[in-house]
Amino acid sequence: DVNELTQLAWQNAMQTRKIHKVIMD
């Protein structure tokens, strides 16, 4: 699950050209 979340954030960061933050509470 953490890998999938990080991979999706990575893809979104490159597609949207925005910095993404993976947060763990």
PDBML (XML) file of the C-alpha atoms, coordinates in Angstrom:
<?xml version="1.0" encoding="UTF-8" ?>
<PDBx:datablock datablockName="MODEL"
   xmlns:PDBx="http://pdbml.pdb.org/schema/pdbx-v50.xsd"
   xmlns:xsi="http://www.w3.org/2001/XMLSchema-instance"
   xsi:schemaLocation="http://pdbml.pdb.org/schema/pdbx-v50.xsd pdbx-v50.xsd">
   <PDBx:atom_siteCategory>
      <PDBx:atom_site id="1">
         <PDBx:B_iso_or_equiv>0.00</PDBx:B_iso_or_equiv>
         <PDBx:Cartn_x>0.000</PDBx:Cartn_x>
         <PDBx:Cartn_y>0.000</PDBx:Cartn_y>
         <PDBx:Cartn_z>0.000</PDBx:Cartn_z>
         <PDBx:auth_asym_id>A</PDBx:auth_asym_id>
         <PDBx:auth_atom_id>CA</PDBx:auth_atom_id>
         <PDBx:auth_comp_id>ASP</PDBx:auth_comp_id>
         <PDBx:auth_seq_id>1</PDBx:auth_seq_id>
         <PDBx:group_PDB>ATOM</PDBx:group_PDB>
         <PDBx:label_alt_id xsi:nil="true" />
         <PDBx:label_asym_id>A</PDBx:label_asym_id>
         <PDBx:label_atom_id>CA</PDBx:label_atom_id>
         <PDBx:label_comp_id>ASP</PDBx:label_comp_id>
         <PDBx:label_entity_id>1</PDBx:label_entity_id>
         <PDBx:label_seq_id>1</PDBx:label_seq_id>
         <PDBx:occupancy>1.00</PDBx:occupancy>
         <PDBx:pdbx_PDB_model_num>1</PDBx:pdbx_PDB_model_num>
         <PDBx:type_symbol>C</PDBx:type_symbol>
      </PDBx:atom_site>
      <PDBx:atom_site id="2">
         <PDBx:B_iso_or_equiv>0.00</PDBx:B_iso_or_equiv>
         <PDBx:Cartn_x>2.782</PDBx:Cartn_x>
         <PDBx:Cartn_y>2.463</PDBx:Cartn_y>
         <PDBx:Cartn_z>0.875</PDBx:Cartn_z>
         <PDBx:auth_asym_id>A</PDBx:auth_asym_id>
         <PDBx:auth_atom_id>CA</PDBx:auth_atom_id>
         <PDBx:auth_comp_id>VAL</PDBx:auth_comp_id>
         <PDBx:auth_seq_id>2</PDBx:auth_seq_id>
         <PDBx:group_PDB>ATOM</PDBx:group_PDB>
         <PDBx:label_alt_id xsi:nil="true" />
         <PDBx:label_asym_id>A</PDBx:label_asym_id>
         <PDBx:label_atom_id>CA</PDBx:label_atom_id>
         <PDBx:label_comp_id>VAL</PDBx:label_comp_id>
         <PDBx:label_entity_id>1</PDBx:label_entity_id>
         <PDBx:label_seq_id>2</PDBx:label_seq_id>
         <PDBx:occupancy>1.00</PDBx:occupancy>
         <PDBx:pdbx_PDB_model_num>1</PDBx:pdbx_PDB_model_num>
         <PDBx:type_symbol>C</PDBx:type_symbol>
      </PDBx:atom_site>
      <PDBx:atom_site id="3">
         <PDBx:B_iso_or_equiv>0.00</PDBx:B_iso_or_equiv>
         <PDBx:Cartn_x>4.592</PDBx:Cartn_x>
         <PDBx:Cartn_y>1.580</PDBx:Cartn_y>
         <PDBx:Cartn_z>-2.342</PDBx:Cartn_z>
         <PDBx:auth_asym_id>A</PDBx:auth_asym_id>
         <PDBx:auth_atom_id>CA</PDBx:auth_atom_id>
         <PDBx:auth_comp_id>ASN</PDBx:auth_comp_id>
         <PDBx:auth_seq_id>3</PDBx:auth_seq_id>
         <PDBx:group_PDB>ATOM</PDBx:group_PDB>
         <PDBx:label_alt_id xsi:nil="true" />
         <PDBx:label_asym_id>A</PDBx:label_asym_id>
         <PDBx:label_atom_id>CA</PDBx:label_atom_id>
         <PDBx:label_comp_id>ASN</PDBx:label_comp_id>
         <PDBx:label_entity_id>1</PDBx:label_entity_id>
         <PDBx:label_seq_id>3</PDBx:label_seq_id>
         <PDBx:occupancy>1.00</PDBx:occupancy>
         <PDBx:pdbx_PDB_model_num>1</PDBx:pdbx_PDB_model_num>
         <PDBx:type_symbol>C</PDBx:type_symbol>
      </PDBx:atom_site>
      <PDBx:atom_site id="4">
         <PDBx:B_iso_or_equiv>0.00</PDBx:B_iso_or_equiv>
         <PDBx:Cartn_x>1.450</PDBx:Cartn_x>
         <PDBx:Cartn_y>2.082</PDBx:Cartn_y>
         <PDBx:Cartn_z>-4.404</PDBx:Cartn_z>
         <PDBx:auth_asym_id>A</PDBx:auth_asym_id>
         <PDBx:auth_atom_id>CA</PDBx:auth_atom_id>
         <PDBx:auth_comp_id>GLU</PDBx:auth_comp_id>
         <PDBx:auth_seq_id>4</PDBx:auth_seq_id>
         <PDBx:group_PDB>ATOM</PDBx:group_PDB>
         <PDBx:label_alt_id xsi:nil="true" />
         <PDBx:label_asym_id>A</PDBx:label_asym_id>
         <PDBx:label_atom_id>CA</PDBx:label_atom_id>
         <PDBx:label_comp_id>GLU</PDBx:label_comp_id>
         <PDBx:label_entity_id>1</PDBx:label_entity_id>
         <PDBx:label_seq_id>4</PDBx:label_seq_id>
         <PDBx:occupancy>1.00</PDBx:occupancy>
         <PDBx:pdbx_PDB_model_num>1</PDBx:pdbx_PDB_model_num>
         <PDBx:type_symbol>C</PDBx:type_symbol>
      </PDBx:atom_site>
      <PDBx:atom_site id="5">
         <PDBx:B_iso_or_equiv>0.00</PDBx:B_iso_or_equiv>
         <PDBx:Cartn_x>0.768</PDBx:Cartn_x>
         <PDBx:Cartn_y>5.423</PDBx:Cartn_y>
         <PDBx:Cartn_z>-2.724</PDBx:Cartn_z>
         <PDBx:auth_asym_id>A</PDBx:auth_asym_id>
         <PDBx:auth_atom_id>CA</PDBx:auth_atom_id>
         <PDBx:auth_comp_id>LEU</PDBx:auth_comp_id>
         <PDBx:auth_seq_id>5</PDBx:auth_seq_id>
         <PDBx:group_PDB>ATOM</PDBx:group_PDB>
         <PDBx:label_alt_id xsi:nil="true" />
         <PDBx:label_asym_id>A</PDBx:label_asym_id>
         <PDBx:label_atom_id>CA</PDBx:label_atom_id>
         <PDBx:label_comp_id>LEU</PDBx:label_comp_id>
         <PDBx:label_entity_id>1</PDBx:label_entity_id>
         <PDBx:label_seq_id>5</PDBx:label_seq_id>
         <PDBx:occupancy>1.00</PDBx:occupancy>
         <PDBx:pdbx_PDB_model_num>1</PDBx:pdbx_PDB_model_num>
         <PDBx:type_symbol>C</PDBx:type_symbol>
      </PDBx:atom_site>
      <PDBx:atom_site id="6">
         <PDBx:B_iso_or_equiv>0.00</PDBx:B_iso_or_equiv>
         <PDBx:Cartn_x>4.342</PDBx:Cartn_x>
         <PDBx:Cartn_y>6.617</PDBx:Cartn_y>
         <PDBx:Cartn_z>-3.316</PDBx:Cartn_z>
         <PDBx:auth_asym_id>A</PDBx:auth_asym_id>
         <PDBx:auth_atom_id>CA</PDBx:auth_atom_id>
         <PDBx:auth_comp_id>THR</PDBx:auth_comp_id>
         <PDBx:auth_seq_id>6</PDBx:auth_seq_id>
         <PDBx:group_PDB>ATOM</PDBx:group_PDB>
         <PDBx:label_alt_id xsi:nil="true" />
         <PDBx:label_asym_id>A</PDBx:label_asym_id>
         <PDBx:label_atom_id>CA</PDBx:label_atom_id>
         <PDBx:label_comp_id>THR</PDBx:label_comp_id>
         <PDBx:label_entity_id>1</PDBx:label_entity_id>
         <PDBx:label_seq_id>6</PDBx:label_seq_id>
         <PDBx:occupancy>1.00</PDBx:occupancy>
         <PDBx:pdbx_PDB_model_num>1</PDBx:pdbx_PDB_model_num>
         <PDBx:type_symbol>C</PDBx:type_symbol>
      </PDBx:atom_site>
      <PDBx:atom_site id="7">
         <PDBx:B_iso_or_equiv>0.00</PDBx:B_iso_or_equiv>
         <PDBx:Cartn_x>4.323</PDBx:Cartn_x>
         <PDBx:Cartn_y>5.476</PDBx:Cartn_y>
         <PDBx:Cartn_z>-6.944</PDBx:Cartn_z>
         <PDBx:auth_asym_id>A</PDBx:auth_asym_id>
         <PDBx:auth_atom_id>CA</PDBx:auth_atom_id>
         <PDBx:auth_comp_id>GLN</PDBx:auth_comp_id>
         <PDBx:auth_seq_id>7</PDBx:auth_seq_id>
         <PDBx:group_PDB>ATOM</PDBx:group_PDB>
         <PDBx:label_alt_id xsi:nil="true" />
         <PDBx:label_asym_id>A</PDBx:label_asym_id>
         <PDBx:label_atom_id>CA</PDBx:label_atom_id>
         <PDBx:label_comp_id>GLN</PDBx:label_comp_id>
         <PDBx:label_entity_id>1</PDBx:label_entity_id>
         <PDBx:label_seq_id>7</PDBx:label_seq_id>
         <PDBx:occupancy>1.00</PDBx:occupancy>
         <PDBx:pdbx_PDB_model_num>1</PDBx:pdbx_PDB_model_num>
         <PDBx:type_symbol>C</PDBx:type_symbol>
      </PDBx:atom_site>
      <PDBx:atom_site id="8">
         <PDBx:B_iso_or_equiv>0.00</PDBx:B_iso_or_equiv>
         <PDBx:Cartn_x>1.073</PDBx:Cartn_x>
         <PDBx:Cartn_y>7.306</PDBx:Cartn_y>
         <PDBx:Cartn_z>-7.617</PDBx:Cartn_z>
         <PDBx:auth_asym_id>A</PDBx:auth_asym_id>
         <PDBx:auth_atom_id>CA</PDBx:auth_atom_id>
         <PDBx:auth_comp_id>LEU</PDBx:auth_comp_id>
         <PDBx:auth_seq_id>8</PDBx:auth_seq_id>
         <PDBx:group_PDB>ATOM</PDBx:group_PDB>
         <PDBx:label_alt_id xsi:nil="true" />
         <PDBx:label_asym_id>A</PDBx:label_asym_id>
         <PDBx:label_atom_id>CA</PDBx:label_atom_id>
         <PDBx:label_comp_id>LEU</PDBx:label_comp_id>
         <PDBx:label_entity_id>1</PDBx:label_entity_id>
         <PDBx:label_seq_id>8</PDBx:label_seq_id>
         <PDBx:occupancy>1.00</PDBx:occupancy>
         <PDBx:pdbx_PDB_model_num>1</PDBx:pdbx_PDB_model_num>
         <PDBx:type_symbol>C</PDBx:type_symbol>
      </PDBx:atom_site>
      <PDBx:atom_site id="9">
         <PDBx:B_iso_or_equiv>0.00</PDBx:B_iso_or_equiv>
         <PDBx:Cartn_x>2.433</PDBx:Cartn_x>
         <PDBx:Cartn_y>10.468</PDBx:Cartn_y>
         <PDBx:Cartn_z>-5.973</PDBx:Cartn_z>
         <PDBx:auth_asym_id>A</PDBx:auth_asym_id>
         <PDBx:auth_atom_id>CA</PDBx:auth_atom_id>
         <PDBx:auth_comp_id>ALA</PDBx:auth_comp_id>
         <PDBx:auth_seq_id>9</PDBx:auth_seq_id>
         <PDBx:group_PDB>ATOM</PDBx:group_PDB>
         <PDBx:label_alt_id xsi:nil="true" />
         <PDBx:label_asym_id>A</PDBx:label_asym_id>
         <PDBx:label_atom_id>CA</PDBx:label_atom_id>
         <PDBx:label_comp_id>ALA</PDBx:label_comp_id>
         <PDBx:label_entity_id>1</PDBx:label_entity_id>
         <PDBx:label_seq_id>9</PDBx:label_seq_id>
         <PDBx:occupancy>1.00</PDBx:occupancy>
         <PDBx:pdbx_PDB_model_num>1</PDBx:pdbx_PDB_model_num>
         <PDBx:type_symbol>C</PDBx:type_symbol>
      </PDBx:atom_site>
      <PDBx:atom_site id="10">
         <PDBx:B_iso_or_equiv>0.00</PDBx:B_iso_or_equiv>
         <PDBx:Cartn_x>5.586</PDBx:Cartn_x>
         <PDBx:Cartn_y>10.145</PDBx:Cartn_y>
         <PDBx:Cartn_z>-8.090</PDBx:Cartn_z>
         <PDBx:auth_asym_id>A</PDBx:auth_asym_id>
         <PDBx:auth_atom_id>CA</PDBx:auth_atom_id>
         <PDBx:auth_comp_id>TRP</PDBx:auth_comp_id>
         <PDBx:auth_seq_id>10</PDBx:auth_seq_id>
         <PDBx:group_PDB>ATOM</PDBx:group_PDB>
         <PDBx:label_alt_id xsi:nil="true" />
         <PDBx:label_asym_id>A</PDBx:label_asym_id>
         <PDBx:label_atom_id>CA</PDBx:label_atom_id>
         <PDBx:label_comp_id>TRP</PDBx:label_comp_id>
         <PDBx:label_entity_id>1</PDBx:label_entity_id>
         <PDBx:label_seq_id>10</PDBx:label_seq_id>
         <PDBx:occupancy>1.00</PDBx:occupancy>
         <PDBx:pdbx_PDB_model_num>1</PDBx:pdbx_PDB_model_num>
         <PDBx:type_symbol>C</PDBx:type_symbol>
      </PDBx:atom_site>
      <PDBx:atom_site id="11">
         <PDBx:B_iso_or_equiv>0.00</PDBx:B_iso_or_equiv>
         <PDBx:Cartn_x>3.574</PDBx:Cartn_x>
         <PDBx:Cartn_y>9.851</PDBx:Cartn_y>
         <PDBx:Cartn_z>-11.297</PDBx:Cartn_z>
         <PDBx:auth_asym_id>A</PDBx:auth_asym_id>
         <PDBx:auth_atom_id>CA</PDBx:auth_atom_id>
         <PDBx:auth_comp_id>GLN</PDBx:auth_comp_id>
         <PDBx:auth_seq_id>11</PDBx:auth_seq_id>
         <PDBx:group_PDB>ATOM</PDBx:group_PDB>
         <PDBx:label_alt_id xsi:nil="true" />
         <PDBx:label_asym_id>A</PDBx:label_asym_id>
         <PDBx:label_atom_id>CA</PDBx:label_atom_id>
         <PDBx:label_comp_id>GLN</PDBx:label_comp_id>
         <PDBx:label_entity_id>1</PDBx:label_entity_id>
         <PDBx:label_seq_id>11</PDBx:label_seq_id>
         <PDBx:occupancy>1.00</PDBx:occupancy>
         <PDBx:pdbx_PDB_model_num>1</PDBx:pdbx_PDB_model_num>
         <PDBx:type_symbol>C</PDBx:type_symbol>
      </PDBx:atom_site>
      <PDBx:atom_site id="12">
         <PDBx:B_iso_or_equiv>0.00</PDBx:B_iso_or_equiv>
         <PDBx:Cartn_x>1.316</PDBx:Cartn_x>
         <PDBx:Cartn_y>12.776</PDBx:Cartn_y>
         <PDBx:Cartn_z>-10.340</PDBx:Cartn_z>
         <PDBx:auth_asym_id>A</PDBx:auth_asym_id>
         <PDBx:auth_atom_id>CA</PDBx:auth_atom_id>
         <PDBx:auth_comp_id>ASN</PDBx:auth_comp_id>
         <PDBx:auth_seq_id>12</PDBx:auth_seq_id>
         <PDBx:group_PDB>ATOM</PDBx:group_PDB>
         <PDBx:label_alt_id xsi:nil="true" />
         <PDBx:label_asym_id>A</PDBx:label_asym_id>
         <PDBx:label_atom_id>CA</PDBx:label_atom_id>
         <PDBx:label_comp_id>ASN</PDBx:label_comp_id>
         <PDBx:label_entity_id>1</PDBx:label_entity_id>
         <PDBx:label_seq_id>12</PDBx:label_seq_id>
         <PDBx:occupancy>1.00</PDBx:occupancy>
         <PDBx:pdbx_PDB_model_num>1</PDBx:pdbx_PDB_model_num>
         <PDBx:type_symbol>C</PDBx:type_symbol>
      </PDBx:atom_site>
      <PDBx:atom_site id="13">
         <PDBx:B_iso_or_equiv>0.00</PDBx:B_iso_or_equiv>
         <PDBx:Cartn_x>4.304</PDBx:Cartn_x>
         <PDBx:Cartn_y>14.963</PDBx:Cartn_y>
         <PDBx:Cartn_z>-9.462</PDBx:Cartn_z>
         <PDBx:auth_asym_id>A</PDBx:auth_asym_id>
         <PDBx:auth_atom_id>CA</PDBx:auth_atom_id>
         <PDBx:auth_comp_id>ALA</PDBx:auth_comp_id>
         <PDBx:auth_seq_id>13</PDBx:auth_seq_id>
         <PDBx:group_PDB>ATOM</PDBx:group_PDB>
         <PDBx:label_alt_id xsi:nil="true" />
         <PDBx:label_asym_id>A</PDBx:label_asym_id>
         <PDBx:label_atom_id>CA</PDBx:label_atom_id>
         <PDBx:label_comp_id>ALA</PDBx:label_comp_id>
         <PDBx:label_entity_id>1</PDBx:label_entity_id>
         <PDBx:label_seq_id>13</PDBx:label_seq_id>
         <PDBx:occupancy>1.00</PDBx:occupancy>
         <PDBx:pdbx_PDB_model_num>1</PDBx:pdbx_PDB_model_num>
         <PDBx:type_symbol>C</PDBx:type_symbol>
      </PDBx:atom_site>
      <PDBx:atom_site id="14">
         <PDBx:B_iso_or_equiv>0.00</PDBx:B_iso_or_equiv>
         <PDBx:Cartn_x>5.824</PDBx:Cartn_x>
         <PDBx:Cartn_y>14.415</PDBx:Cartn_y>
         <PDBx:Cartn_z>-12.881</PDBx:Cartn_z>
         <PDBx:auth_asym_id>A</PDBx:auth_asym_id>
         <PDBx:auth_atom_id>CA</PDBx:auth_atom_id>
         <PDBx:auth_comp_id>MET</PDBx:auth_comp_id>
         <PDBx:auth_seq_id>14</PDBx:auth_seq_id>
         <PDBx:group_PDB>ATOM</PDBx:group_PDB>
         <PDBx:label_alt_id xsi:nil="true" />
         <PDBx:label_asym_id>A</PDBx:label_asym_id>
         <PDBx:label_atom_id>CA</PDBx:label_atom_id>
         <PDBx:label_comp_id>MET</PDBx:label_comp_id>
         <PDBx:label_entity_id>1</PDBx:label_entity_id>
         <PDBx:label_seq_id>14</PDBx:label_seq_id>
         <PDBx:occupancy>1.00</PDBx:occupancy>
         <PDBx:pdbx_PDB_model_num>1</PDBx:pdbx_PDB_model_num>
         <PDBx:type_symbol>C</PDBx:type_symbol>
      </PDBx:atom_site>
      <PDBx:atom_site id="15">
         <PDBx:B_iso_or_equiv>0.00</PDBx:B_iso_or_equiv>
         <PDBx:Cartn_x>2.523</PDBx:Cartn_x>
         <PDBx:Cartn_y>14.814</PDBx:Cartn_y>
         <PDBx:Cartn_z>-14.763</PDBx:Cartn_z>
         <PDBx:auth_asym_id>A</PDBx:auth_asym_id>
         <PDBx:auth_atom_id>CA</PDBx:auth_atom_id>
         <PDBx:auth_comp_id>GLN</PDBx:auth_comp_id>
         <PDBx:auth_seq_id>15</PDBx:auth_seq_id>
         <PDBx:group_PDB>ATOM</PDBx:group_PDB>
         <PDBx:label_alt_id xsi:nil="true" />
         <PDBx:label_asym_id>A</PDBx:label_asym_id>
         <PDBx:label_atom_id>CA</PDBx:label_atom_id>
         <PDBx:label_comp_id>GLN</PDBx:label_comp_id>
         <PDBx:label_entity_id>1</PDBx:label_entity_id>
         <PDBx:label_seq_id>15</PDBx:label_seq_id>
         <PDBx:occupancy>1.00</PDBx:occupancy>
         <PDBx:pdbx_PDB_model_num>1</PDBx:pdbx_PDB_model_num>
         <PDBx:type_symbol>C</PDBx:type_symbol>
      </PDBx:atom_site>
      <PDBx:atom_site id="16">
         <PDBx:B_iso_or_equiv>0.00</PDBx:B_iso_or_equiv>
         <PDBx:Cartn_x>1.312</PDBx:Cartn_x>
         <PDBx:Cartn_y>17.951</PDBx:Cartn_y>
         <PDBx:Cartn_z>-12.962</PDBx:Cartn_z>
         <PDBx:auth_asym_id>A</PDBx:auth_asym_id>
         <PDBx:auth_atom_id>CA</PDBx:auth_atom_id>
         <PDBx:auth_comp_id>THR</PDBx:auth_comp_id>
         <PDBx:auth_seq_id>16</PDBx:auth_seq_id>
         <PDBx:group_PDB>ATOM</PDBx:group_PDB>
         <PDBx:label_alt_id xsi:nil="true" />
         <PDBx:label_asym_id>A</PDBx:label_asym_id>
         <PDBx:label_atom_id>CA</PDBx:label_atom_id>
         <PDBx:label_comp_id>THR</PDBx:label_comp_id>
         <PDBx:label_entity_id>1</PDBx:label_entity_id>
         <PDBx:label_seq_id>16</PDBx:label_seq_id>
         <PDBx:occupancy>1.00</PDBx:occupancy>
         <PDBx:pdbx_PDB_model_num>1</PDBx:pdbx_PDB_model_num>
         <PDBx:type_symbol>C</PDBx:type_symbol>
      </PDBx:atom_site>
      <PDBx:atom_site id="17">
         <PDBx:B_iso_or_equiv>0.00</PDBx:B_iso_or_equiv>
         <PDBx:Cartn_x>4.807</PDBx:Cartn_x>
         <PDBx:Cartn_y>19.431</PDBx:Cartn_y>
         <PDBx:Cartn_z>-12.510</PDBx:Cartn_z>
         <PDBx:auth_asym_id>A</PDBx:auth_asym_id>
         <PDBx:auth_atom_id>CA</PDBx:auth_atom_id>
         <PDBx:auth_comp_id>ARG</PDBx:auth_comp_id>
         <PDBx:auth_seq_id>17</PDBx:auth_seq_id>
         <PDBx:group_PDB>ATOM</PDBx:group_PDB>
         <PDBx:label_alt_id xsi:nil="true" />
         <PDBx:label_asym_id>A</PDBx:label_asym_id>
         <PDBx:label_atom_id>CA</PDBx:label_atom_id>
         <PDBx:label_comp_id>ARG</PDBx:label_comp_id>
         <PDBx:label_entity_id>1</PDBx:label_entity_id>
         <PDBx:label_seq_id>17</PDBx:label_seq_id>
         <PDBx:occupancy>1.00</PDBx:occupancy>
         <PDBx:pdbx_PDB_model_num>1</PDBx:pdbx_PDB_model_num>
         <PDBx:type_symbol>C</PDBx:type_symbol>
      </PDBx:atom_site>
      <PDBx:atom_site id="18">
         <PDBx:B_iso_or_equiv>0.00</PDBx:B_iso_or_equiv>
         <PDBx:Cartn_x>3.979</PDBx:Cartn_x>
         <PDBx:Cartn_y>20.101</PDBx:Cartn_y>
         <PDBx:Cartn_z>-8.840</PDBx:Cartn_z>
         <PDBx:auth_asym_id>A</PDBx:auth_asym_id>
         <PDBx:auth_atom_id>CA</PDBx:auth_atom_id>
         <PDBx:auth_comp_id>LYS</PDBx:auth_comp_id>
         <PDBx:auth_seq_id>18</PDBx:auth_seq_id>
         <PDBx:group_PDB>ATOM</PDBx:group_PDB>
         <PDBx:label_alt_id xsi:nil="true" />
         <PDBx:label_asym_id>A</PDBx:label_asym_id>
         <PDBx:label_atom_id>CA</PDBx:label_atom_id>
         <PDBx:label_comp_id>LYS</PDBx:label_comp_id>
         <PDBx:label_entity_id>1</PDBx:label_entity_id>
         <PDBx:label_seq_id>18</PDBx:label_seq_id>
         <PDBx:occupancy>1.00</PDBx:occupancy>
         <PDBx:pdbx_PDB_model_num>1</PDBx:pdbx_PDB_model_num>
         <PDBx:type_symbol>C</PDBx:type_symbol>
      </PDBx:atom_site>
      <PDBx:atom_site id="19">
         <PDBx:B_iso_or_equiv>0.00</PDBx:B_iso_or_equiv>
         <PDBx:Cartn_x>5.766</PDBx:Cartn_x>
         <PDBx:Cartn_y>19.055</PDBx:Cartn_y>
         <PDBx:Cartn_z>-5.672</PDBx:Cartn_z>
         <PDBx:auth_asym_id>A</PDBx:auth_asym_id>
         <PDBx:auth_atom_id>CA</PDBx:auth_atom_id>
         <PDBx:auth_comp_id>ILE</PDBx:auth_comp_id>
         <PDBx:auth_seq_id>19</PDBx:auth_seq_id>
         <PDBx:group_PDB>ATOM</PDBx:group_PDB>
         <PDBx:label_alt_id xsi:nil="true" />
         <PDBx:label_asym_id>A</PDBx:label_asym_id>
         <PDBx:label_atom_id>CA</PDBx:label_atom_id>
         <PDBx:label_comp_id>ILE</PDBx:label_comp_id>
         <PDBx:label_entity_id>1</PDBx:label_entity_id>
         <PDBx:label_seq_id>19</PDBx:label_seq_id>
         <PDBx:occupancy>1.00</PDBx:occupancy>
         <PDBx:pdbx_PDB_model_num>1</PDBx:pdbx_PDB_model_num>
         <PDBx:type_symbol>C</PDBx:type_symbol>
      </PDBx:atom_site>
      <PDBx:atom_site id="20">
         <PDBx:B_iso_or_equiv>0.00</PDBx:B_iso_or_equiv>
         <PDBx:Cartn_x>3.904</PDBx:Cartn_x>
         <PDBx:Cartn_y>16.280</PDBx:Cartn_y>
         <PDBx:Cartn_z>-3.862</PDBx:Cartn_z>
         <PDBx:auth_asym_id>A</PDBx:auth_asym_id>
         <PDBx:auth_atom_id>CA</PDBx:auth_atom_id>
         <PDBx:auth_comp_id>HIS</PDBx:auth_comp_id>
         <PDBx:auth_seq_id>20</PDBx:auth_seq_id>
         <PDBx:group_PDB>ATOM</PDBx:group_PDB>
         <PDBx:label_alt_id xsi:nil="true" />
         <PDBx:label_asym_id>A</PDBx:label_asym_id>
         <PDBx:label_atom_id>CA</PDBx:label_atom_id>
         <PDBx:label_comp_id>HIS</PDBx:label_comp_id>
         <PDBx:label_entity_id>1</PDBx:label_entity_id>
         <PDBx:label_seq_id>20</PDBx:label_seq_id>
         <PDBx:occupancy>1.00</PDBx:occupancy>
         <PDBx:pdbx_PDB_model_num>1</PDBx:pdbx_PDB_model_num>
         <PDBx:type_symbol>C</PDBx:type_symbol>
      </PDBx:atom_site>
      <PDBx:atom_site id="21">
         <PDBx:B_iso_or_equiv>0.00</PDBx:B_iso_or_equiv>
         <PDBx:Cartn_x>4.063</PDBx:Cartn_x>
         <PDBx:Cartn_y>15.425</PDBx:Cartn_y>
         <PDBx:Cartn_z>-0.190</PDBx:Cartn_z>
         <PDBx:auth_asym_id>A</PDBx:auth_asym_id>
         <PDBx:auth_atom_id>CA</PDBx:auth_atom_id>
         <PDBx:auth_comp_id>LYS</PDBx:auth_comp_id>
         <PDBx:auth_seq_id>21</PDBx:auth_seq_id>
         <PDBx:group_PDB>ATOM</PDBx:group_PDB>
         <PDBx:label_alt_id xsi:nil="true" />
         <PDBx:label_asym_id>A</PDBx:label_asym_id>
         <PDBx:label_atom_id>CA</PDBx:label_atom_id>
         <PDBx:label_comp_id>LYS</PDBx:label_comp_id>
         <PDBx:label_entity_id>1</PDBx:label_entity_id>
         <PDBx:label_seq_id>21</PDBx:label_seq_id>
         <PDBx:occupancy>1.00</PDBx:occupancy>
         <PDBx:pdbx_PDB_model_num>1</PDBx:pdbx_PDB_model_num>
         <PDBx:type_symbol>C</PDBx:type_symbol>
      </PDBx:atom_site>
      <PDBx:atom_site id="22">
         <PDBx:B_iso_or_equiv>0.00</PDBx:B_iso_or_equiv>
         <PDBx:Cartn_x>3.521</PDBx:Cartn_x>
         <PDBx:Cartn_y>11.899</PDBx:Cartn_y>
         <PDBx:Cartn_z>1.157</PDBx:Cartn_z>
         <PDBx:auth_asym_id>A</PDBx:auth_asym_id>
         <PDBx:auth_atom_id>CA</PDBx:auth_atom_id>
         <PDBx:auth_comp_id>VAL</PDBx:auth_comp_id>
         <PDBx:auth_seq_id>22</PDBx:auth_seq_id>
         <PDBx:group_PDB>ATOM</PDBx:group_PDB>
         <PDBx:label_alt_id xsi:nil="true" />
         <PDBx:label_asym_id>A</PDBx:label_asym_id>
         <PDBx:label_atom_id>CA</PDBx:label_atom_id>
         <PDBx:label_comp_id>VAL</PDBx:label_comp_id>
         <PDBx:label_entity_id>1</PDBx:label_entity_id>
         <PDBx:label_seq_id>22</PDBx:label_seq_id>
         <PDBx:occupancy>1.00</PDBx:occupancy>
         <PDBx:pdbx_PDB_model_num>1</PDBx:pdbx_PDB_model_num>
         <PDBx:type_symbol>C</PDBx:type_symbol>
      </PDBx:atom_site>
      <PDBx:atom_site id="23">
         <PDBx:B_iso_or_equiv>0.00</PDBx:B_iso_or_equiv>
         <PDBx:Cartn_x>2.211</PDBx:Cartn_x>
         <PDBx:Cartn_y>12.300</PDBx:Cartn_y>
         <PDBx:Cartn_z>4.714</PDBx:Cartn_z>
         <PDBx:auth_asym_id>A</PDBx:auth_asym_id>
         <PDBx:auth_atom_id>CA</PDBx:auth_atom_id>
         <PDBx:auth_comp_id>ILE</PDBx:auth_comp_id>
         <PDBx:auth_seq_id>23</PDBx:auth_seq_id>
         <PDBx:group_PDB>ATOM</PDBx:group_PDB>
         <PDBx:label_alt_id xsi:nil="true" />
         <PDBx:label_asym_id>A</PDBx:label_asym_id>
         <PDBx:label_atom_id>CA</PDBx:label_atom_id>
         <PDBx:label_comp_id>ILE</PDBx:label_comp_id>
         <PDBx:label_entity_id>1</PDBx:label_entity_id>
         <PDBx:label_seq_id>23</PDBx:label_seq_id>
         <PDBx:occupancy>1.00</PDBx:occupancy>
         <PDBx:pdbx_PDB_model_num>1</PDBx:pdbx_PDB_model_num>
         <PDBx:type_symbol>C</PDBx:type_symbol>
      </PDBx:atom_site>
      <PDBx:atom_site id="24">
         <PDBx:B_iso_or_equiv>0.00</PDBx:B_iso_or_equiv>
         <PDBx:Cartn_x>2.069</PDBx:Cartn_x>
         <PDBx:Cartn_y>9.636</PDBx:Cartn_y>
         <PDBx:Cartn_z>7.422</PDBx:Cartn_z>
         <PDBx:auth_asym_id>A</PDBx:auth_asym_id>
         <PDBx:auth_atom_id>CA</PDBx:auth_atom_id>
         <PDBx:auth_comp_id>MET</PDBx:auth_comp_id>
         <PDBx:auth_seq_id>24</PDBx:auth_seq_id>
         <PDBx:group_PDB>ATOM</PDBx:group_PDB>
         <PDBx:label_alt_id xsi:nil="true" />
         <PDBx:label_asym_id>A</PDBx:label_asym_id>
         <PDBx:label_atom_id>CA</PDBx:label_atom_id>
         <PDBx:label_comp_id>MET</PDBx:label_comp_id>
         <PDBx:label_entity_id>1</PDBx:label_entity_id>
         <PDBx:label_seq_id>24</PDBx:label_seq_id>
         <PDBx:occupancy>1.00</PDBx:occupancy>
         <PDBx:pdbx_PDB_model_num>1</PDBx:pdbx_PDB_model_num>
         <PDBx:type_symbol>C</PDBx:type_symbol>
      </PDBx:atom_site>
      <PDBx:atom_site id="25">
         <PDBx:B_iso_or_equiv>0.00</PDBx:B_iso_or_equiv>
         <PDBx:Cartn_x>-0.025</PDBx:Cartn_x>
         <PDBx:Cartn_y>10.297</PDBx:Cartn_y>
         <PDBx:Cartn_z>10.525</PDBx:Cartn_z>
         <PDBx:auth_asym_id>A</PDBx:auth_asym_id>
         <PDBx:auth_atom_id>CA</PDBx:auth_atom_id>
         <PDBx:auth_comp_id>ASP</PDBx:auth_comp_id>
         <PDBx:auth_seq_id>25</PDBx:auth_seq_id>
         <PDBx:group_PDB>ATOM</PDBx:group_PDB>
         <PDBx:label_alt_id xsi:nil="true" />
         <PDBx:label_asym_id>A</PDBx:label_asym_id>
         <PDBx:label_atom_id>CA</PDBx:label_atom_id>
         <PDBx:label_comp_id>ASP</PDBx:label_comp_id>
         <PDBx:label_entity_id>1</PDBx:label_entity_id>
         <PDBx:label_seq_id>25</PDBx:label_seq_id>
         <PDBx:occupancy>1.00</PDBx:occupancy>
         <PDBx:pdbx_PDB_model_num>1</PDBx:pdbx_PDB_model_num>
         <PDBx:type_symbol>C</PDBx:type_symbol>
      </PDBx:atom_site>
   </PDBx:atom_siteCategory>
</PDBx:datablock>
